[in-house]
Amino acid sequence: MKVLNSRRAAEIVVLIGAVLMASCGGGGSGGGSGGDPAVQKGLSVLIGDADSERGLTLSKSEDQYFTTMTMVPSGVLYLAYDCAIRRVGSDNTVQDFVGGTCGYSDGSGSAARFNRIYGVASDGDGNLFVSDTGNAVIRKVSPSGQVITVSGAAGEAAFVDGPADSARWVAPSELAVDRSGNVFVVDSLGISQGGRRQVRKLLATGEVKPVAGGFLGASSNPGRMAVDSAGSLYLTVKTGQLMVCIDRCIGFMDSSSVLKIDTAGNASTLAGSTTIGAIGAVDGPAHDARFRYAEGIAVDSVGNVYVSDVLNEAIRKIRPDGTVSTVIGVLPANAPNSIPSDTYSVIGGTVVTGALPGRLRLPDALAIGPDNSLYISVARRRHNEVPFSSGNGFAVLRAVF
């Protein structure tokens, strides 16, 4: 089943599709457990090959590619692909966990079927929640690999709030889970041109209801979402004009920012700006800060918000006092204030590990470890017309501050 994937459309507009279509390789150093006194501060490769376009790959068959990742409280890292989820063990080996063949089926391990996984997040018990976009449902995966559908009905795409037996989803995308086990999901109100998006809340009872302050306009293209310990939501948002498309599209992006929705439903711009032309590479007070392509987002235990600024190839940190700084990578001296549709290729920089600030190549998905270390997916160089399934030279990095 083909469905409109708004984030994929937005990212292909600026032709960094490899960021979402990256896959990670085996080997490397580092780990996910906290409190190891031997771990040195700095940036290291957890898995994959960050240096070579012809390096190790975790690409799966049937044109499946890496989409996002999450870390559970025990320190286990999970990598999501189109139709599968893989597990990174304590020895950093990557193993198949659930799914594999595209389709729809609940079940255990490889017997489960997904159709275009978009988002994945974990709760306090180590369960995974998955937005199965192609099937228009929300799935739950137990630590043992048992997959069940917890909301929606496969193949019945519709925007319906209400009790568990009647709630429906159109194209669920990014999601986040709070400490109470509530699941927040960005969903489309429709797939027609000008279709808007709404953050919706899936309760433990199965009821689905809208989140106040979570309505996004037709020109707003959400990236990824995170939730802090108090239950506030954070969502990266790009604004611009896009054609409706499935895999490729034309358009432009004119602003990049981070949206915050507190528990009372009050929405505000946490950092960056939604003003046309508000794109760049500026640290400082939150509303003076500028991003070139804010995408991945994660919140640590003390309220620091980390954002992957893809085209600036940097990780930006928003402190609780609102100050924005660059903690990994180096901002360019003269970043352009727009991203036009005729940018036909983006050549990523060189990954440099070791002492911070280091260097990154097209950073995308983020995850926070139990010790507040940061996990970052990085991509290989991306050229126009490279097949979507080509997945060499990707890695997951670990940063210890």
Protein backbone atom coordinates (compact mmCIF):
# COMPACT_ATOMS: atom_id res chain seq x y z
CA MET A 1 0.00 0.00 0.00
CA LYS A 2 1.37 3.44 -0.94
CA VAL A 3 0.64 6.28 1.48
CA LEU A 4 1.72 9.89 1.56
CA ASN A 5 4.65 10.31 3.94
CA SER A 6 4.89 14.03 4.71
CA ARG A 7 8.29 13.93 6.37
CA ARG A 8 9.79 11.93 3.51
CA ALA A 9 8.34 14.43 1.05
CA ALA A 10 9.75 17.38 2.95
CA GLU A 11 13.20 15.89 3.18
CA ILE A 12 13.42 14.86 -0.43
CA VAL A 13 12.56 18.45 -1.33
CA VAL A 14 15.96 19.45 -0.03
CA LEU A 15 17.39 16.19 -1.36
CA ILE A 16 18.78 14.75 1.80
CA GLY A 17 16.63 11.66 1.52
CA ALA A 18 19.52 9.52 2.69
CA VAL A 19 19.08 10.89 6.16
CA LEU A 20 15.75 9.08 6.48
CA MET A 21 16.82 6.24 4.25
CA ALA A 22 20.06 5.52 6.06
CA SER A 23 21.01 2.12 7.34
CA CYS A 24 23.55 1.22 9.99
CA GLY A 25 26.41 -1.34 9.92
CA GLY A 26 27.87 -3.76 12.47
CA GLY A 27 30.95 -3.30 14.62
CA GLY A 28 32.37 -0.31 16.46
CA SER A 29 32.79 0.66 20.08
CA GLY A 30 30.73 2.10 22.90
CA GLY A 31 27.61 0.91 24.66
CA GLY A 32 24.17 1.88 25.86
CA SER A 33 24.40 1.21 29.59
CA GLY A 34 24.98 4.08 31.96
CA GLY A 35 27.48 4.75 34.72
CA ASP A 36 30.56 3.14 33.12
CA PRO A 37 33.57 4.98 34.58
CA ALA A 38 35.75 3.78 31.68
CA VAL A 39 33.68 5.73 29.15
CA GLN A 40 35.48 8.89 28.08
CA LYS A 41 33.69 12.09 27.19
CA GLY A 42 33.51 12.65 23.47
CA LEU A 43 32.09 11.16 20.27
CA SER A 44 32.50 7.53 19.23
CA VAL A 45 31.05 5.06 16.71
CA LEU A 46 28.60 2.62 18.29
CA ILE A 47 27.79 0.64 15.14
CA GLY A 48 28.36 1.06 11.44
CA ASP A 49 30.93 2.69 9.20
CA ALA A 50 30.83 6.48 9.34
CA ASP A 51 33.83 6.97 7.05
CA SER A 52 33.10 5.17 3.81
CA GLU A 53 30.38 5.32 1.19
CA ARG A 54 31.18 1.65 0.59
CA GLY A 55 31.20 0.62 4.21
CA LEU A 56 29.20 -1.99 6.08
CA THR A 57 25.46 -1.84 5.63
CA LEU A 58 22.30 -2.93 7.39
CA SER A 59 20.06 -2.38 4.39
CA LYS A 60 17.27 -4.92 4.14
CA SER A 61 15.74 -6.38 1.03
CA GLU A 62 12.59 -5.10 -0.66
CA ASP A 63 13.84 -1.50 -0.64
CA GLN A 64 13.65 -1.20 3.14
CA TYR A 65 15.71 1.50 4.79
CA PHE A 66 16.46 2.82 8.25
CA THR A 67 13.85 5.31 9.51
CA THR A 68 14.44 6.05 13.19
CA MET A 69 15.54 4.59 16.52
CA THR A 70 14.78 4.55 20.24
CA MET A 71 16.48 3.40 23.42
CA VAL A 72 14.61 1.64 26.24
CA PRO A 73 15.41 2.28 29.94
CA SER A 74 17.62 -0.83 30.13
CA GLY A 75 19.95 0.69 27.54
CA VAL A 76 18.96 -1.51 24.59
CA LEU A 77 18.85 0.38 21.29
CA TYR A 78 16.23 -0.44 18.63
CA LEU A 79 16.57 0.49 14.96
CA ALA A 80 13.40 0.84 12.89
CA TYR A 81 13.18 0.12 9.17
CA ASP A 82 10.27 0.19 6.73
CA CYS A 83 8.90 -3.18 7.79
CA ALA A 84 11.23 -4.40 10.53
CA ILE A 85 12.84 -3.49 13.84
CA ARG A 86 16.34 -4.57 14.81
CA ARG A 87 17.95 -4.76 18.23
CA VAL A 88 21.47 -3.64 19.16
CA GLY A 89 22.73 -6.00 21.86
CA SER A 90 25.03 -5.22 24.78
CA ASP A 91 27.99 -6.35 22.67
CA ASN A 92 26.85 -3.96 19.90
CA THR A 93 25.82 -6.75 17.55
CA VAL A 94 22.71 -6.03 15.49
CA GLN A 95 20.01 -8.69 15.47
CA ASP A 96 16.62 -9.00 13.78
CA PHE A 97 13.92 -8.43 16.40
CA VAL A 98 10.45 -8.22 14.82
CA GLY A 99 9.03 -8.00 11.32
CA GLY A 100 10.92 -8.43 8.08
CA THR A 101 8.44 -8.98 5.26
CA CYS A 102 6.11 -6.06 4.51
CA GLY A 103 2.40 -6.56 5.11
CA TYR A 104 0.12 -6.68 8.12
CA SER A 105 0.01 -9.27 10.86
CA ASP A 106 0.26 -9.35 14.62
CA GLY A 107 2.45 -12.07 16.08
CA SER A 108 5.86 -12.79 17.54
CA GLY A 109 9.25 -11.95 16.04
CA SER A 110 9.54 -12.50 12.31
CA ALA A 111 5.89 -13.59 12.08
CA ALA A 112 4.79 -9.98 12.60
CA ARG A 113 4.28 -7.78 9.56
CA PHE A 114 4.52 -3.98 9.22
CA ASN A 115 3.97 -1.64 6.28
CA ARG A 116 6.12 1.50 6.34
CA ILE A 117 7.16 2.14 9.93
CA TYR A 118 7.53 5.86 10.52
CA GLY A 119 8.08 6.40 14.25
CA VAL A 120 9.06 4.28 17.25
CA ALA A 121 9.26 5.16 20.95
CA SER A 122 9.50 3.24 24.21
CA ASP A 123 7.70 3.34 27.55
CA GLY A 124 9.12 2.85 31.04
CA ASP A 125 8.66 -0.92 30.87
CA GLY A 126 10.66 -1.35 27.68
CA ASN A 127 7.67 -1.78 25.36
CA LEU A 128 7.93 -0.20 21.92
CA PHE A 129 5.12 1.77 20.28
CA VAL A 130 5.23 1.94 16.50
CA SER A 131 3.39 4.08 14.00
CA ASP A 132 2.63 1.65 11.17
CA THR A 133 1.89 4.32 8.59
CA GLY A 134 1.06 2.09 5.64
CA ASN A 135 -1.47 0.11 7.67
CA ALA A 136 -2.88 3.22 9.42
CA VAL A 137 -2.50 1.68 12.88
CA ILE A 138 -0.47 1.96 16.08
CA ARG A 139 1.37 -1.21 17.15
CA LYS A 140 2.90 -2.26 20.48
CA VAL A 141 5.93 -4.52 20.75
CA SER A 142 6.76 -6.24 24.05
CA PRO A 143 10.39 -6.74 25.19
CA SER A 144 10.05 -10.39 24.13
CA GLY A 145 9.01 -9.41 20.59
CA GLN A 146 5.24 -9.93 20.71
CA VAL A 147 3.49 -7.49 18.36
CA ILE A 148 -0.13 -6.41 18.79
CA THR A 149 -2.26 -3.65 17.27
CA VAL A 150 -3.38 -1.23 19.98
CA SER A 151 -5.25 1.38 17.94
CA GLY A 152 -6.90 1.67 14.55
CA ALA A 153 -7.85 -0.96 12.00
CA ALA A 154 -5.48 -2.04 9.25
CA GLY A 155 -6.45 -0.61 5.87
CA GLU A 156 -9.20 1.62 7.32
CA ALA A 157 -7.54 5.03 7.06
CA ALA A 158 -9.76 7.72 8.57
CA PHE A 159 -9.48 10.55 11.08
CA VAL A 160 -11.74 9.45 13.94
CA ASP A 161 -11.27 10.28 17.62
CA GLY A 162 -13.09 8.33 20.33
CA PRO A 163 -13.07 4.97 22.13
CA ALA A 164 -10.76 2.13 21.19
CA ASP A 165 -13.18 0.23 18.99
CA SER A 166 -13.98 3.21 16.76
CA ALA A 167 -10.76 5.30 16.73
CA ARG A 168 -9.02 5.49 13.35
CA TRP A 169 -5.83 6.97 11.91
CA VAL A 170 -5.06 8.36 8.46
CA ALA A 171 -1.26 8.25 8.25
CA PRO A 172 0.28 8.18 11.72
CA SER A 173 3.87 9.38 11.66
CA GLU A 174 6.12 10.56 14.49
CA LEU A 175 5.26 9.52 18.03
CA ALA A 176 6.43 9.87 21.63
CA VAL A 177 5.46 8.22 24.94
CA ASP A 178 5.19 9.98 28.31
CA ARG A 179 5.88 8.55 31.78
CA SER A 180 2.23 7.58 32.21
CA GLY A 181 2.27 5.49 29.05
CA ASN A 182 0.23 7.91 26.94
CA VAL A 183 1.25 7.81 23.28
CA PHE A 184 1.35 11.07 21.30
CA VAL A 185 1.14 10.72 17.53
CA VAL A 186 1.26 13.15 14.62
CA ASP A 187 -1.48 12.21 12.16
CA SER A 188 -2.63 13.65 8.84
CA LEU A 189 -6.14 15.01 8.47
CA GLY A 190 -6.06 13.87 4.85
CA ILE A 191 -3.69 13.21 1.95
CA SER A 192 -5.02 15.84 -0.46
CA GLN A 193 -3.00 18.93 -1.31
CA GLY A 194 -3.11 21.34 1.62
CA GLY A 195 -3.85 18.55 4.08
CA ARG A 196 -3.10 19.50 7.67
CA ARG A 197 -1.78 17.57 10.63
CA GLN A 198 -2.79 17.12 14.26
CA VAL A 199 -1.02 15.75 17.32
CA ARG A 200 -3.32 13.12 18.83
CA LYS A 201 -3.14 11.28 22.14
CA LEU A 202 -3.67 7.54 22.60
CA LEU A 203 -4.62 6.76 26.19
CA ALA A 204 -3.98 3.46 27.98
CA THR A 205 -7.73 2.78 27.68
CA GLY A 206 -7.45 2.91 23.90
CA GLU A 207 -9.33 6.20 23.62
CA VAL A 208 -7.91 8.66 21.11
CA LYS A 209 -8.36 12.41 21.44
CA PRO A 210 -6.78 15.55 19.98
CA VAL A 211 -4.00 17.38 21.81
CA ALA A 212 -4.78 21.04 22.43
CA GLY A 213 -2.22 23.23 20.70
CA GLY A 214 -1.20 20.36 18.43
CA PHE A 215 -2.87 21.51 15.21
CA LEU A 216 -0.34 22.14 12.43
CA GLY A 217 -1.04 24.22 9.34
CA ALA A 218 -0.94 23.01 5.75
CA SER A 219 2.55 24.44 5.19
CA SER A 220 3.97 22.97 8.41
CA ASN A 221 5.97 19.79 7.94
CA PRO A 222 6.65 18.03 11.26
CA GLY A 223 9.89 16.19 11.84
CA ARG A 224 10.39 14.16 15.00
CA MET A 225 8.83 14.45 18.46
CA ALA A 226 9.96 14.00 22.08
CA VAL A 227 8.39 14.34 25.52
CA ASP A 228 10.00 15.51 28.75
CA SER A 229 9.56 14.22 32.30
CA ALA A 230 6.74 16.71 32.95
CA GLY A 231 4.78 15.58 29.89
CA SER A 232 5.48 18.56 27.61
CA LEU A 233 5.88 17.78 23.91
CA TYR A 234 8.62 19.00 21.59
CA LEU A 235 8.30 18.81 17.82
CA THR A 236 10.66 19.96 15.09
CA VAL A 237 8.77 21.80 12.36
CA LYS A 238 9.74 23.08 8.94
CA THR A 239 7.47 25.42 6.99
CA GLY A 240 7.28 25.78 3.23
CA GLN A 241 5.34 24.81 0.14
CA LEU A 242 5.26 21.24 -1.16
CA MET A 243 3.62 19.40 -4.01
CA VAL A 244 1.65 16.32 -2.95
CA CYS A 245 3.68 13.28 -3.85
CA ILE A 246 4.56 9.79 -2.69
CA ASP A 247 8.33 9.44 -3.11
CA ARG A 248 9.61 12.56 -4.86
CA CYS A 249 8.36 16.12 -4.88
CA ILE A 250 9.25 19.72 -5.63
CA GLY A 251 8.98 22.64 -3.24
CA PHE A 252 10.91 24.81 -0.84
CA MET A 253 11.46 25.33 2.88
CA ASP A 254 11.48 28.81 4.39
CA SER A 255 11.78 28.31 8.18
CA SER A 256 12.88 25.76 10.75
CA SER A 257 11.98 25.75 14.44
CA VAL A 258 11.15 23.72 17.54
CA LEU A 259 7.54 23.74 18.78
CA LYS A 260 6.68 23.13 22.45
CA ILE A 261 3.23 22.06 23.67
CA ASP A 262 2.88 22.04 27.45
CA THR A 263 0.54 19.83 29.46
CA ALA A 264 -2.15 22.54 29.39
CA GLY A 265 -2.12 22.57 25.60
CA ASN A 266 -0.29 25.88 25.24
CA ALA A 267 1.79 25.86 22.06
CA SER A 268 4.81 28.11 21.59
CA THR A 269 7.99 28.30 19.56
CA LEU A 270 10.73 27.03 21.86
CA ALA A 271 13.62 27.97 19.58
CA GLY A 272 14.12 29.22 16.05
CA SER A 273 11.44 31.07 14.14
CA THR A 274 8.50 30.39 11.83
CA THR A 275 9.10 33.65 9.96
CA ILE A 276 9.78 33.29 6.23
CA GLY A 277 13.52 33.29 5.63
CA ALA A 278 14.33 32.38 9.25
CA ILE A 279 16.89 29.75 8.32
CA GLY A 280 20.55 29.90 9.21
CA ALA A 281 23.21 28.93 11.74
CA VAL A 282 22.96 31.09 14.85
CA ASP A 283 23.37 30.23 18.54
CA GLY A 284 22.19 32.37 21.44
CA PRO A 285 18.80 33.24 22.94
CA ALA A 286 16.10 30.80 21.81
CA HIS A 287 14.15 33.09 19.50
CA ASP A 288 17.28 34.57 17.94
CA ALA A 289 18.68 31.11 17.19
CA ARG A 290 18.47 29.75 13.67
CA PHE A 291 18.48 26.21 12.27
CA ARG A 292 18.94 25.07 8.67
CA TYR A 293 16.97 21.83 9.01
CA ALA A 294 15.90 20.88 12.55
CA GLU A 295 14.84 17.23 12.47
CA GLY A 296 15.79 14.77 15.24
CA ILE A 297 14.94 15.71 18.83
CA ALA A 298 15.49 14.23 22.28
CA VAL A 299 15.19 15.44 25.89
CA ASP A 300 17.51 14.37 28.70
CA SER A 301 16.60 13.84 32.35
CA VAL A 302 17.37 17.41 33.39
CA GLY A 303 15.37 19.10 30.64
CA ASN A 304 18.00 19.83 28.00
CA VAL A 305 16.57 19.51 24.48
CA TYR A 306 18.89 18.21 21.76
CA VAL A 307 18.13 18.84 18.08
CA SER A 308 19.84 17.44 14.99
CA ASP A 309 20.39 20.36 12.61
CA VAL A 310 20.78 18.26 9.49
CA LEU A 311 22.13 20.68 6.91
CA ASN A 312 24.34 22.50 9.41
CA GLU A 313 25.63 19.02 10.31
CA ALA A 314 25.47 19.82 14.01
CA ILE A 315 23.72 18.93 17.24
CA ARG A 316 22.16 21.93 18.92
CA LYS A 317 21.33 22.05 22.62
CA ILE A 318 18.46 24.10 24.06
CA ARG A 319 18.99 24.60 27.78
CA PRO A 320 16.07 25.00 30.20
CA ASP A 321 16.83 28.75 30.27
CA GLY A 322 16.27 28.89 26.49
CA THR A 323 19.88 29.35 25.43
CA VAL A 324 20.82 27.52 22.21
CA SER A 325 24.37 26.27 21.70
CA THR A 326 26.17 23.91 19.34
CA VAL A 327 27.54 20.92 21.26
CA ILE A 328 28.61 18.64 18.39
CA GLY A 329 29.89 19.87 15.05
CA VAL A 330 30.81 23.38 13.95
CA LEU A 331 28.29 25.82 12.50
CA PRO A 332 29.16 27.26 9.07
CA ALA A 333 30.18 30.91 9.02
CA ASN A 334 27.75 31.89 6.25
CA ALA A 335 24.71 29.62 6.14
CA PRO A 336 22.10 30.53 3.49
CA ASN A 337 18.67 31.67 4.71
CA SER A 338 16.67 29.46 2.35
CA ILE A 339 16.66 25.96 0.87
CA PRO A 340 15.48 26.10 -2.76
CA SER A 341 14.01 23.27 -4.79
CA ASP A 342 16.89 23.33 -7.28
CA THR A 343 19.44 22.11 -4.71
CA TYR A 344 20.10 18.89 -6.59
CA SER A 345 22.61 17.31 -4.28
CA VAL A 346 23.90 17.60 -0.75
CA ILE A 347 27.38 16.31 -0.02
CA GLY A 348 27.78 15.42 3.62
CA GLY A 349 30.89 16.33 5.55
CA THR A 350 33.39 14.05 7.27
CA VAL A 351 32.60 12.40 10.60
CA VAL A 352 35.29 13.14 13.19
CA THR A 353 35.09 11.24 16.47
CA GLY A 354 37.04 11.79 19.67
CA ALA A 355 37.01 15.01 21.65
CA LEU A 356 34.00 17.24 21.18
CA PRO A 357 32.83 19.17 19.24
CA GLY A 358 33.83 16.63 16.58
CA ARG A 359 32.19 16.58 13.15
CA LEU A 360 29.01 14.98 11.79
CA ARG A 361 27.58 13.98 8.42
CA LEU A 362 23.86 14.71 7.96
CA PRO A 363 22.75 13.82 11.53
CA ASP A 364 19.14 12.71 11.82
CA ALA A 365 17.50 10.50 14.47
CA LEU A 366 18.44 11.00 18.13
CA ALA A 367 18.00 8.90 21.27
CA ILE A 368 18.90 9.54 24.91
CA GLY A 369 20.55 6.81 26.97
CA PRO A 370 19.82 6.15 30.65
CA ASP A 371 23.05 7.97 31.52
CA ASN A 372 22.06 10.99 29.37
CA SER A 373 24.50 10.02 26.62
CA LEU A 374 23.21 10.94 23.16
CA TYR A 375 22.88 8.53 20.23
CA ILE A 376 22.94 10.00 16.71
CA SER A 377 22.31 8.41 13.33
CA VAL A 378 24.54 9.83 10.60
CA ALA A 379 24.31 9.37 6.86
CA ARG A 380 26.66 8.82 3.96
CA ARG A 381 27.00 11.30 1.11
CA ARG A 382 23.79 11.74 -0.83
CA HIS A 383 23.65 12.38 -4.57
CA ASN A 384 20.62 12.96 -6.77
CA GLU A 385 19.18 9.76 -8.28
CA VAL A 386 20.99 7.43 -5.88
CA PRO A 387 18.59 4.49 -5.33
CA PHE A 388 16.63 4.71 -2.11
CA SER A 389 17.79 1.24 -1.05
CA SER A 390 21.50 2.12 -1.25
CA GLY A 391 22.61 2.16 2.39
CA ASN A 392 26.39 2.12 2.64
CA GLY A 393 28.42 4.28 4.98
CA PHE A 394 25.87 4.86 7.74
CA ALA A 395 26.48 4.70 11.47
CA VAL A 396 25.07 5.36 14.91
CA LEU A 397 27.35 7.51 17.06
CA ARG A 398 27.42 7.92 20.81
CA ALA A 399 28.20 11.25 22.47
CA VAL A 400 29.10 11.50 26.14
CA PHE A 401 29.08 15.04 27.55
